Amino acid sequence: MNPSIKQLQDKNTFIETEIIVQNEPMPFFKKYMNKLTSWSICFYLILIIFAGLFGLSFANQDNTGIFATAPFFVFLIILPIHEIIHAIVYKLFGAKNVGFKIVWKQFVVYTYANHDVVNSRQMKSIASAPFIVISTIFLLLTFLGEGELRIFASFAGLLHALLCLGDLAILNYLQINKVKKVYTYDDQAKGMSYFFESIR
């Protein structure tokens, strides 16, 4: 059972280690998204595969319309699905106050669980699920498809992977601190996401 928010405030048991300012998440993202972990190795390997397959496929075809249609498809269809997957996994772990927010200034979309505490194991699943599910589908379409479908799937997969950099930053933070008991929760009234570590 995860501790309550009140219990996390006990400085004899937990310490606050990181904060994500939801309207300005880039400092946290920049701090952790380029750390070398097993998550980042996997992420950048998938990114290279998508980029390589797209380059090889596109070099053999002349269909520049995909450059226009794939971004619209990713932002209007895949991004909402991405966030819904986050929400589903939150719900599977018992979160009750799940919602979505768009920070237009940073062009960041995220799923939150207001005042629901999750541990590091749960957060790893929440953060990684969309990348794993959607990348797997696009990889299958790229390898099994032909012609325009292969180009479209590889380009859409590449674009979606780039949108997962915020999730990668969280996964890297959790991996770096994997030997510690980490807990996190969102406070939408304050616009903050807090990370705590147990010191006992």
Protein backbone atom coordinates (compact mmCIF):
# COMPACT_ATOMS: atom_id res chain seq x y z
CA MET A 1 0.00 0.00 0.00
CA ASN A 2 1.33 3.43 -0.93
CA PRO A 3 1.72 6.13 1.73
CA SER A 4 -0.75 9.00 1.86
CA ILE A 5 0.17 12.55 0.90
CA LYS A 6 0.10 13.44 4.61
CA GLN A 7 2.56 10.64 5.36
CA LEU A 8 4.86 11.84 2.56
CA GLN A 9 5.13 15.19 4.35
CA ASP A 10 6.79 13.48 7.35
CA LYS A 11 10.40 14.63 6.99
CA ASN A 12 11.60 11.88 9.31
CA THR A 13 10.43 9.27 6.82
CA PHE A 14 10.43 10.89 3.36
CA ILE A 15 12.33 13.60 1.54
CA GLU A 16 11.16 15.58 -1.46
CA THR A 17 13.65 15.03 -4.27
CA GLU A 18 12.14 16.51 -7.43
CA ILE A 19 9.30 18.76 -8.56
CA ILE A 20 7.84 19.11 -12.04
CA VAL A 21 6.23 22.50 -12.57
CA GLN A 22 3.44 21.44 -14.89
CA ASN A 23 3.36 24.69 -16.85
CA GLU A 24 7.18 24.68 -17.16
CA PRO A 25 8.22 21.00 -17.33
CA MET A 26 11.26 21.49 -19.57
CA PRO A 27 13.85 21.92 -16.77
CA PHE A 28 12.98 18.45 -15.45
CA PHE A 29 12.81 16.96 -18.96
CA LYS A 30 16.17 18.42 -19.98
CA LYS A 31 17.78 17.26 -16.74
CA TYR A 32 16.83 13.61 -17.17
CA MET A 33 15.91 12.77 -20.78
CA ASN A 34 19.55 12.38 -21.91
CA LYS A 35 20.71 10.28 -18.96
CA LEU A 36 22.17 6.92 -19.97
CA THR A 37 19.88 4.18 -18.69
CA SER A 38 18.41 0.98 -20.06
CA TRP A 39 15.25 2.98 -20.84
CA SER A 40 17.10 5.62 -22.86
CA ILE A 41 19.10 2.99 -24.76
CA CYS A 42 15.87 1.23 -25.73
CA PHE A 43 14.17 4.52 -26.60
CA TYR A 44 16.93 5.86 -28.83
CA LEU A 45 17.36 2.46 -30.48
CA ILE A 46 13.67 2.49 -31.46
CA LEU A 47 14.07 6.09 -32.62
CA ILE A 48 17.00 5.12 -34.85
CA ILE A 49 15.07 2.15 -36.26
CA PHE A 50 12.09 4.32 -37.18
CA ALA A 51 14.34 7.00 -38.69
CA GLY A 52 16.32 4.44 -40.67
CA LEU A 53 13.28 2.60 -41.96
CA PHE A 54 11.62 5.84 -42.91
CA GLY A 55 14.72 7.02 -44.75
CA LEU A 56 15.09 3.76 -46.66
CA SER A 57 11.40 3.59 -47.54
CA PHE A 58 11.09 7.22 -48.53
CA ALA A 59 14.23 7.09 -50.69
CA ASN A 60 12.53 4.54 -52.93
CA GLN A 61 9.23 6.39 -53.29
CA ASP A 62 8.09 9.87 -54.16
CA ASN A 63 5.22 10.74 -51.83
CA THR A 64 5.83 14.01 -50.04
CA GLY A 65 2.16 14.15 -49.01
CA ILE A 66 3.02 11.86 -46.11
CA PHE A 67 5.06 14.69 -44.60
CA ALA A 68 1.82 16.61 -44.20
CA THR A 69 -0.63 13.85 -43.30
CA ALA A 70 1.45 11.91 -40.76
CA PRO A 71 1.93 14.85 -38.33
CA PHE A 72 -1.82 15.58 -38.35
CA PHE A 73 -2.56 11.91 -37.75
CA VAL A 74 -0.11 11.72 -34.84
CA PHE A 75 -1.26 14.93 -33.14
CA LEU A 76 -5.00 14.47 -33.68
CA ILE A 77 -5.35 10.69 -33.31
CA ILE A 78 -2.26 9.08 -31.79
CA LEU A 79 -1.58 11.70 -29.10
CA PRO A 80 -5.08 11.36 -27.55
CA ILE A 81 -4.69 7.56 -27.65
CA HIS A 82 -1.30 7.94 -25.99
CA GLU A 83 -2.82 9.91 -23.10
CA ILE A 84 -5.76 7.53 -22.80
CA ILE A 85 -3.31 4.65 -22.34
CA HIS A 86 -1.65 6.60 -19.50
CA ALA A 87 -5.08 7.11 -17.95
CA ILE A 88 -6.05 3.43 -18.28
CA VAL A 89 -2.88 2.29 -16.49
CA TYR A 90 -3.43 4.91 -13.75
CA LYS A 91 -6.95 3.50 -13.31
CA LEU A 92 -5.64 -0.06 -13.18
CA PHE A 93 -3.52 0.98 -10.20
CA GLY A 94 -6.53 2.45 -8.43
CA ALA A 95 -6.17 6.16 -9.21
CA LYS A 96 -9.52 7.92 -8.86
CA ASN A 97 -8.83 11.50 -9.96
CA VAL A 98 -7.43 11.03 -13.47
CA GLY A 99 -7.63 13.84 -16.01
CA PHE A 100 -5.85 15.53 -18.89
CA LYS A 101 -4.21 18.91 -19.36
CA ILE A 102 -2.68 20.82 -22.26
CA VAL A 103 0.06 23.39 -21.69
CA TRP A 104 -0.19 25.36 -24.93
CA LYS A 105 2.84 27.53 -24.14
CA GLN A 106 5.11 24.46 -23.97
CA PHE A 107 2.99 22.37 -26.36
CA VAL A 108 2.84 19.65 -23.72
CA VAL A 109 -0.10 17.31 -23.18
CA TYR A 110 -0.15 15.15 -20.07
CA THR A 111 -2.30 12.88 -17.98
CA TYR A 112 -2.50 13.53 -14.26
CA ALA A 113 -3.84 11.69 -11.22
CA ASN A 114 -4.70 14.48 -8.80
CA HIS A 115 -3.71 13.61 -5.20
CA ASP A 116 -3.27 9.92 -6.07
CA VAL A 117 0.08 8.59 -4.83
CA VAL A 118 1.83 6.01 -7.01
CA ASN A 119 5.10 4.19 -6.39
CA SER A 120 8.07 3.83 -8.73
CA ARG A 121 7.01 0.42 -10.09
CA GLN A 122 3.55 1.74 -10.91
CA MET A 123 4.92 4.95 -12.40
CA LYS A 124 7.26 3.00 -14.69
CA SER A 125 4.27 1.16 -16.11
CA ILE A 126 2.23 4.36 -16.42
CA ALA A 127 5.04 6.25 -18.18
CA SER A 128 6.18 3.46 -20.50
CA ALA A 129 2.88 1.88 -21.59
CA PRO A 130 2.01 4.27 -24.47
CA PHE A 131 5.51 4.14 -25.93
CA ILE A 132 5.62 0.34 -25.81
CA VAL A 133 2.11 -0.24 -27.18
CA ILE A 134 2.09 2.39 -29.94
CA SER A 135 5.71 1.83 -31.04
CA THR A 136 5.06 -1.91 -31.31
CA ILE A 137 2.06 -1.29 -33.57
CA PHE A 138 3.98 1.12 -35.81
CA LEU A 139 6.97 -1.25 -36.01
CA LEU A 140 4.70 -4.10 -37.10
CA LEU A 141 3.05 -1.89 -39.73
CA THR A 142 6.46 -0.74 -40.94
CA PHE A 143 7.92 -4.25 -41.28
CA LEU A 144 4.78 -5.92 -42.58
CA GLY A 145 3.42 -3.09 -44.71
CA GLU A 146 4.47 -2.03 -48.16
CA GLY A 147 4.72 1.19 -50.14
CA GLU A 148 2.95 4.19 -48.67
CA LEU A 149 1.84 2.29 -45.54
CA ARG A 150 5.45 1.49 -44.66
CA ILE A 151 6.52 5.11 -45.17
CA PHE A 152 3.56 6.45 -43.21
CA ALA A 153 3.99 4.02 -40.29
CA SER A 154 7.72 4.61 -39.94
CA PHE A 155 7.32 8.40 -40.04
CA ALA A 156 4.36 8.36 -37.63
CA GLY A 157 6.30 6.05 -35.31
CA LEU A 158 9.25 8.44 -35.39
CA LEU A 159 7.05 11.44 -34.59
CA HIS A 160 5.30 9.63 -31.76
CA ALA A 161 8.61 8.52 -30.25
CA LEU A 162 9.78 12.15 -30.19
CA LEU A 163 6.61 13.05 -28.28
CA CYS A 164 7.59 10.53 -25.60
CA LEU A 165 10.67 12.46 -24.40
CA GLY A 166 8.84 13.64 -21.27
CA ASP A 167 7.94 10.06 -20.40
CA LEU A 168 11.56 9.07 -21.01
CA ALA A 169 12.75 11.75 -18.56
CA ILE A 170 10.49 10.31 -15.84
CA LEU A 171 11.61 6.76 -16.61
CA ASN A 172 15.26 7.79 -16.47
CA TYR A 173 14.72 9.51 -13.11
CA LEU A 174 13.10 6.36 -11.73
CA GLN A 175 15.84 4.13 -13.16
CA ILE A 176 18.59 6.29 -11.67
CA ASN A 177 16.87 5.97 -8.30
CA LYS A 178 15.80 2.34 -8.70
CA VAL A 179 17.34 1.22 -5.39
CA LYS A 180 15.23 3.76 -3.52
CA LYS A 181 11.53 3.71 -2.65
CA VAL A 182 10.15 6.52 -4.80
CA TYR A 183 6.62 7.90 -4.66
CA THR A 184 4.97 10.60 -6.73
CA TYR A 185 1.70 12.48 -6.93
CA ASP A 186 0.18 15.40 -8.81
CA ASP A 187 -1.35 18.49 -7.21
CA GLN A 188 -3.45 20.22 -9.84
CA ALA A 189 -4.39 23.16 -7.59
CA LYS A 190 -0.70 24.04 -7.30
CA GLY A 191 0.21 22.83 -10.80
CA MET A 192 2.99 20.61 -9.44
CA SER A 193 4.08 16.99 -9.60
CA TYR A 194 6.10 15.89 -6.58
CA PHE A 195 8.61 13.08 -6.14
CA PHE A 196 9.57 11.70 -2.74
CA GLU A 197 12.03 9.07 -1.55
CA SER A 198 11.80 7.02 1.60
CA ILE A 199 14.76 7.52 3.95
CA ARG A 200 13.88 4.50 6.05
